[in-house]
Amino acid sequence: MYLSHHQALQQKNVECARIYAENAIRKKNEGLNWLRMASRVDAVASKVQTAVTMKGVTKSMGQVTKALDKALGSMDLQKVSLVMDKFETQVQNLDVHTSVMEDSMSSATTLTTPQDQVDDLIHQIAEESGLEVMDQLSQLPAGATSVGPESSRSQDREDLLSRR
């Protein structure tokens, strides 16, 4: 895509270069949309896996409760003690599963990257390339995707392309 765009500019065919640029921007945005969708699918998969795990833990706790009822009904202290030990083990396992579930849910549902990390990465890349963009970044409104006077024009072009 870059080569065609570059060749069009060398041949002073601005209209063709503009079309190549619009296509490149559209493809980049499509890629970002697919990445967002993949992130959402991963979050849903994690939620489903957590639900399956919790269902298994719930079933296990139900079995322990039934065994405890039987042991208490017979008033056999040894059986009651064994069931209570099993119950305590199940409660500990439940605590571990709950902790893991909460950690995985919080990481899976975090779909946005903290803005300061994004700015740090952009700053690092800009330093490596010898560019000054941090002043422009600090002036961007939330959710803006580009800097400079072209940002609103390129967004208008993208909106026009989306409508097609």
C-alpha atoms as a PDB file:
ATOM      1  CA  MET A   1       0.000   0.000   0.000  1.00  0.00           C
ATOM      2  CA  TYR A   2       2.848   2.379   0.905  1.00  0.00           C
ATOM      3  CA  LEU A   3       4.660   1.707  -2.366  1.00  0.00           C
ATOM      4  CA  SER A   4       1.560   2.459  -4.459  1.00  0.00           C
ATOM      5  CA  HIS A   5       0.895   5.599  -2.435  1.00  0.00           C
ATOM      6  CA  HIS A   6       4.518   6.653  -2.821  1.00  0.00           C
ATOM      7  CA  GLN A   7       4.478   5.979  -6.573  1.00  0.00           C
ATOM      8  CA  ALA A   8       1.282   7.972  -7.009  1.00  0.00           C
ATOM      9  CA  LEU A   9       2.861  10.942  -5.250  1.00  0.00           C
ATOM     10  CA  GLN A  10       6.020  10.653  -7.357  1.00  0.00           C
ATOM     11  CA  GLN A  11       3.862  10.717 -10.485  1.00  0.00           C
ATOM     12  CA  LYS A  12       2.049  13.751  -9.035  1.00  0.00           C
ATOM     13  CA  ASN A  13      -1.259  11.902  -9.142  1.00  0.00           C
ATOM     14  CA  VAL A  14      -2.737  13.439  -5.998  1.00  0.00           C
ATOM     15  CA  GLU A  15      -6.208  11.974  -6.456  1.00  0.00           C
ATOM     16  CA  CYS A  16      -4.836   8.435  -6.680  1.00  0.00           C
ATOM     17  CA  ALA A  17      -2.593   9.060  -3.659  1.00  0.00           C
ATOM     18  CA  ARG A  18      -5.608  10.348  -1.735  1.00  0.00           C
ATOM     19  CA  ILE A  19      -7.571   7.177  -2.567  1.00  0.00           C
ATOM     20  CA  TYR A  20      -4.657   4.996  -1.420  1.00  0.00           C
ATOM     21  CA  ALA A  21      -4.443   7.001   1.807  1.00  0.00           C
ATOM     22  CA  GLU A  22      -8.199   6.719   2.430  1.00  0.00           C
ATOM     23  CA  ASN A  23      -8.052   2.965   1.850  1.00  0.00           C
ATOM     24  CA  ALA A  24      -5.100   2.633   4.215  1.00  0.00           C
ATOM     25  CA  ILE A  25      -6.901   4.580   6.929  1.00  0.00           C
ATOM     26  CA  ARG A  26     -10.070   2.555   6.471  1.00  0.00           C
ATOM     27  CA  LYS A  27      -8.143  -0.739   6.647  1.00  0.00           C
ATOM     28  CA  LYS A  28      -6.328   0.427   9.780  1.00  0.00           C
ATOM     29  CA  ASN A  29      -9.651   1.306  11.427  1.00  0.00           C
ATOM     30  CA  GLU A  30     -11.126  -2.044  10.387  1.00  0.00           C
ATOM     31  CA  GLY A  31      -8.155  -3.763  12.006  1.00  0.00           C
ATOM     32  CA  LEU A  32      -8.689  -1.808  15.211  1.00  0.00           C
ATOM     33  CA  ASN A  33     -12.380  -2.726  15.207  1.00  0.00           C
ATOM     34  CA  TRP A  34     -11.504  -6.426  14.802  1.00  0.00           C
ATOM     35  CA  LEU A  35      -9.040  -6.111  17.678  1.00  0.00           C
ATOM     36  CA  ARG A  36     -11.730  -4.554  19.886  1.00  0.00           C
ATOM     37  CA  MET A  37     -14.137  -7.352  18.940  1.00  0.00           C
ATOM     38  CA  ALA A  38     -11.521 -10.000  19.751  1.00  0.00           C
ATOM     39  CA  SER A  39     -11.016  -8.407  23.147  1.00  0.00           C
ATOM     40  CA  ARG A  40     -14.750  -8.519  23.835  1.00  0.00           C
ATOM     41  CA  VAL A  41     -14.961 -12.165  22.747  1.00  0.00           C
ATOM     42  CA  ASP A  42     -12.075 -13.011  25.089  1.00  0.00           C
ATOM     43  CA  ALA A  43     -13.876 -11.256  27.952  1.00  0.00           C
ATOM     44  CA  VAL A  44     -17.075 -13.224  27.279  1.00  0.00           C
ATOM     45  CA  ALA A  45     -15.126 -16.496  27.065  1.00  0.00           C
ATOM     46  CA  SER A  46     -13.541 -15.732  30.420  1.00  0.00           C
ATOM     47  CA  LYS A  47     -16.945 -15.013  31.963  1.00  0.00           C
ATOM     48  CA  VAL A  48     -18.336 -18.297  30.618  1.00  0.00           C
ATOM     49  CA  GLN A  49     -15.341 -20.242  31.959  1.00  0.00           C
ATOM     50  CA  THR A  50     -15.796 -18.603  35.352  1.00  0.00           C
ATOM     51  CA  ALA A  51     -19.486 -19.508  35.374  1.00  0.00           C
ATOM     52  CA  VAL A  52     -18.663 -23.146  34.563  1.00  0.00           C
ATOM     53  CA  THR A  53     -16.114 -23.248  37.380  1.00  0.00           C
ATOM     54  CA  MET A  54     -18.532 -21.692  39.849  1.00  0.00           C
ATOM     55  CA  LYS A  55     -21.223 -24.202  38.842  1.00  0.00           C
ATOM     56  CA  GLY A  56     -18.840 -27.042  39.704  1.00  0.00           C
ATOM     57  CA  VAL A  57     -17.975 -25.476  43.048  1.00  0.00           C
ATOM     58  CA  THR A  58     -21.664 -24.963  43.831  1.00  0.00           C
ATOM     59  CA  LYS A  59     -22.419 -28.611  43.048  1.00  0.00           C
ATOM     60  CA  SER A  60     -19.573 -29.751  45.281  1.00  0.00           C
ATOM     61  CA  MET A  61     -20.785 -27.550  48.148  1.00  0.00           C
ATOM     62  CA  GLY A  62     -24.291 -29.010  47.754  1.00  0.00           C
ATOM     63  CA  GLN A  63     -22.903 -32.540  48.103  1.00  0.00           C
ATOM     64  CA  VAL A  64     -21.008 -31.592  51.258  1.00  0.00           C
ATOM     65  CA  THR A  65     -24.143 -30.030  52.720  1.00  0.00           C
ATOM     66  CA  LYS A  66     -26.140 -33.218  52.072  1.00  0.00           C
ATOM     67  CA  ALA A  67     -23.432 -35.332  53.687  1.00  0.00           C
ATOM     68  CA  LEU A  68     -23.408 -32.985  56.675  1.00  0.00           C
ATOM     69  CA  ASP A  69     -27.191 -33.341  57.025  1.00  0.00           C
ATOM     70  CA  LYS A  70     -26.868 -37.149  57.054  1.00  0.00           C
ATOM     71  CA  ALA A  71     -24.020 -37.102  59.565  1.00  0.00           C
ATOM     72  CA  LEU A  72     -25.896 -34.741  61.863  1.00  0.00           C
ATOM     73  CA  GLY A  73     -29.007 -36.916  61.552  1.00  0.00           C
ATOM     74  CA  SER A  74     -27.132 -39.985  62.783  1.00  0.00           C
ATOM     75  CA  MET A  75     -25.288 -37.967  65.461  1.00  0.00           C
ATOM     76  CA  ASP A  76     -22.085 -39.925  64.719  1.00  0.00           C
ATOM     77  CA  LEU A  77     -19.330 -37.561  65.885  1.00  0.00           C
ATOM     78  CA  GLN A  78     -16.681 -39.165  63.723  1.00  0.00           C
ATOM     79  CA  LYS A  79     -18.795 -38.737  60.560  1.00  0.00           C
ATOM     80  CA  VAL A  80     -19.677 -35.168  61.557  1.00  0.00           C
ATOM     81  CA  SER A  81     -15.981 -34.397  62.064  1.00  0.00           C
ATOM     82  CA  LEU A  82     -15.043 -35.870  58.671  1.00  0.00           C
ATOM     83  CA  VAL A  83     -17.817 -33.986  56.901  1.00  0.00           C
ATOM     84  CA  MET A  84     -16.844 -30.749  58.655  1.00  0.00           C
ATOM     85  CA  ASP A  85     -13.224 -31.234  57.521  1.00  0.00           C
ATOM     86  CA  LYS A  86     -14.445 -31.792  53.983  1.00  0.00           C
ATOM     87  CA  PHE A  87     -16.685 -28.738  54.294  1.00  0.00           C
ATOM     88  CA  GLU A  88     -13.751 -26.576  55.438  1.00  0.00           C
ATOM     89  CA  THR A  89     -11.693 -27.836  52.508  1.00  0.00           C
ATOM     90  CA  GLN A  90     -14.520 -26.970  50.119  1.00  0.00           C
ATOM     91  CA  VAL A  91     -14.832 -23.483  51.630  1.00  0.00           C
ATOM     92  CA  GLN A  92     -11.089 -22.932  51.165  1.00  0.00           C
ATOM     93  CA  ASN A  93     -11.360 -24.133  47.569  1.00  0.00           C
ATOM     94  CA  LEU A  94     -14.310 -21.803  47.052  1.00  0.00           C
ATOM     95  CA  ASP A  95     -12.252 -18.894  48.378  1.00  0.00           C
ATOM     96  CA  VAL A  96      -9.438 -19.731  45.967  1.00  0.00           C
ATOM     97  CA  HIS A  97     -11.845 -20.085  43.031  1.00  0.00           C
ATOM     98  CA  THR A  98     -13.566 -16.830  43.950  1.00  0.00           C
ATOM     99  CA  SER A  99     -10.247 -15.011  44.132  1.00  0.00           C
ATOM    100  CA  VAL A 100      -9.132 -16.398  40.777  1.00  0.00           C
ATOM    101  CA  MET A 101     -12.519 -15.578  39.269  1.00  0.00           C
ATOM    102  CA  GLU A 102     -12.415 -11.987  40.490  1.00  0.00           C
ATOM    103  CA  ASP A 103      -8.879 -11.520  39.181  1.00  0.00           C
ATOM    104  CA  SER A 104      -9.697 -12.979  35.783  1.00  0.00           C
ATOM    105  CA  MET A 105     -12.925 -10.999  35.508  1.00  0.00           C
ATOM    106  CA  SER A 106     -11.215  -7.734  36.312  1.00  0.00           C
ATOM    107  CA  SER A 107      -8.454  -8.391  33.781  1.00  0.00           C
ATOM    108  CA  ALA A 108     -10.814  -9.714  31.094  1.00  0.00           C
ATOM    109  CA  THR A 109     -13.293  -6.882  31.306  1.00  0.00           C
ATOM    110  CA  THR A 110     -10.674  -4.163  31.240  1.00  0.00           C
ATOM    111  CA  LEU A 111     -11.079  -3.325  27.586  1.00  0.00           C
ATOM    112  CA  THR A 112      -9.365   0.037  27.621  1.00  0.00           C
ATOM    113  CA  THR A 113      -5.721   0.734  28.268  1.00  0.00           C
ATOM    114  CA  PRO A 114      -4.951   3.455  30.803  1.00  0.00           C
ATOM    115  CA  GLN A 115      -4.382   6.738  28.994  1.00  0.00           C
ATOM    116  CA  ASP A 116      -1.087   7.427  30.763  1.00  0.00           C
ATOM    117  CA  GLN A 117       0.360   4.160  29.401  1.00  0.00           C
ATOM    118  CA  VAL A 118      -0.752   5.089  25.891  1.00  0.00           C
ATOM    119  CA  ASP A 119       0.812   8.545  26.226  1.00  0.00           C
ATOM    120  CA  ASP A 120       4.039   7.027  27.587  1.00  0.00           C
ATOM    121  CA  LEU A 121       4.288   4.663  24.625  1.00  0.00           C
ATOM    122  CA  ILE A 122       3.634   7.466  22.136  1.00  0.00           C
ATOM    123  CA  HIS A 123       6.216   9.622  23.895  1.00  0.00           C
ATOM    124  CA  GLN A 124       8.776   6.795  23.747  1.00  0.00           C
ATOM    125  CA  ILE A 125       8.174   6.213  20.033  1.00  0.00           C
ATOM    126  CA  ALA A 126       8.302   9.945  19.359  1.00  0.00           C
ATOM    127  CA  GLU A 127      11.643  10.226  21.168  1.00  0.00           C
ATOM    128  CA  GLU A 128      13.036   7.310  19.171  1.00  0.00           C
ATOM    129  CA  SER A 129      11.898   8.969  15.953  1.00  0.00           C
ATOM    130  CA  GLY A 130      12.994  12.451  17.000  1.00  0.00           C
ATOM    131  CA  LEU A 131       9.455  13.846  16.938  1.00  0.00           C
ATOM    132  CA  GLU A 132       7.831  16.378  19.240  1.00  0.00           C
ATOM    133  CA  VAL A 133       4.232  15.276  19.832  1.00  0.00           C
ATOM    134  CA  MET A 134       3.716  15.552  23.581  1.00  0.00           C
ATOM    135  CA  ASP A 135       2.616  19.191  23.389  1.00  0.00           C
ATOM    136  CA  GLN A 136       0.032  18.220  20.790  1.00  0.00           C
ATOM    137  CA  LEU A 137      -1.102  15.198  22.823  1.00  0.00           C
ATOM    138  CA  SER A 138      -1.786  17.272  25.912  1.00  0.00           C
ATOM    139  CA  GLN A 139      -4.108  19.512  23.879  1.00  0.00           C
ATOM    140  CA  LEU A 140      -6.139  16.637  22.419  1.00  0.00           C
ATOM    141  CA  PRO A 141      -9.724  16.186  23.605  1.00  0.00           C
ATOM    142  CA  ALA A 142     -10.584  12.767  25.035  1.00  0.00           C
ATOM    143  CA  GLY A 143     -11.133  10.188  22.319  1.00  0.00           C
ATOM    144  CA  ALA A 144      -9.287  12.083  19.589  1.00  0.00           C
ATOM    145  CA  THR A 145      -7.259   9.856  17.294  1.00  0.00           C
ATOM    146  CA  SER A 146      -4.826  12.237  15.604  1.00  0.00           C
ATOM    147  CA  VAL A 147      -3.019  15.511  16.121  1.00  0.00           C
ATOM    148  CA  GLY A 148      -2.613  18.588  13.990  1.00  0.00           C
ATOM    149  CA  PRO A 149      -4.941  20.425  11.610  1.00  0.00           C
ATOM    150  CA  GLU A 150      -5.498  17.328   9.483  1.00  0.00           C
ATOM    151  CA  SER A 151      -7.192  15.412  12.303  1.00  0.00           C
ATOM    152  CA  SER A 152     -10.652  16.909  11.794  1.00  0.00           C
ATOM    153  CA  ARG A 153     -10.404  16.640   8.013  1.00  0.00           C
ATOM    154  CA  SER A 154      -9.297  13.015   8.139  1.00  0.00           C
ATOM    155  CA  GLN A 155     -12.141  12.245  10.562  1.00  0.00           C
ATOM    156  CA  ASP A 156     -14.602  13.876   8.148  1.00  0.00           C
ATOM    157  CA  ARG A 157     -13.178  11.767   5.315  1.00  0.00           C
ATOM    158  CA  GLU A 158     -13.467   8.631   7.443  1.00  0.00           C
ATOM    159  CA  ASP A 159     -17.092   9.448   8.250  1.00  0.00           C
ATOM    160  CA  LEU A 160     -17.787   9.942   4.551  1.00  0.00           C
ATOM    161  CA  LEU A 161     -16.136   6.612   3.725  1.00  0.00           C
ATOM    162  CA  SER A 162     -18.121   4.868   6.451  1.00  0.00           C
ATOM    163  CA  ARG A 163     -21.389   6.109   4.989  1.00  0.00           C
ATOM    164  CA  ARG A 164     -20.517   4.648   1.579  1.00  0.00           C
END
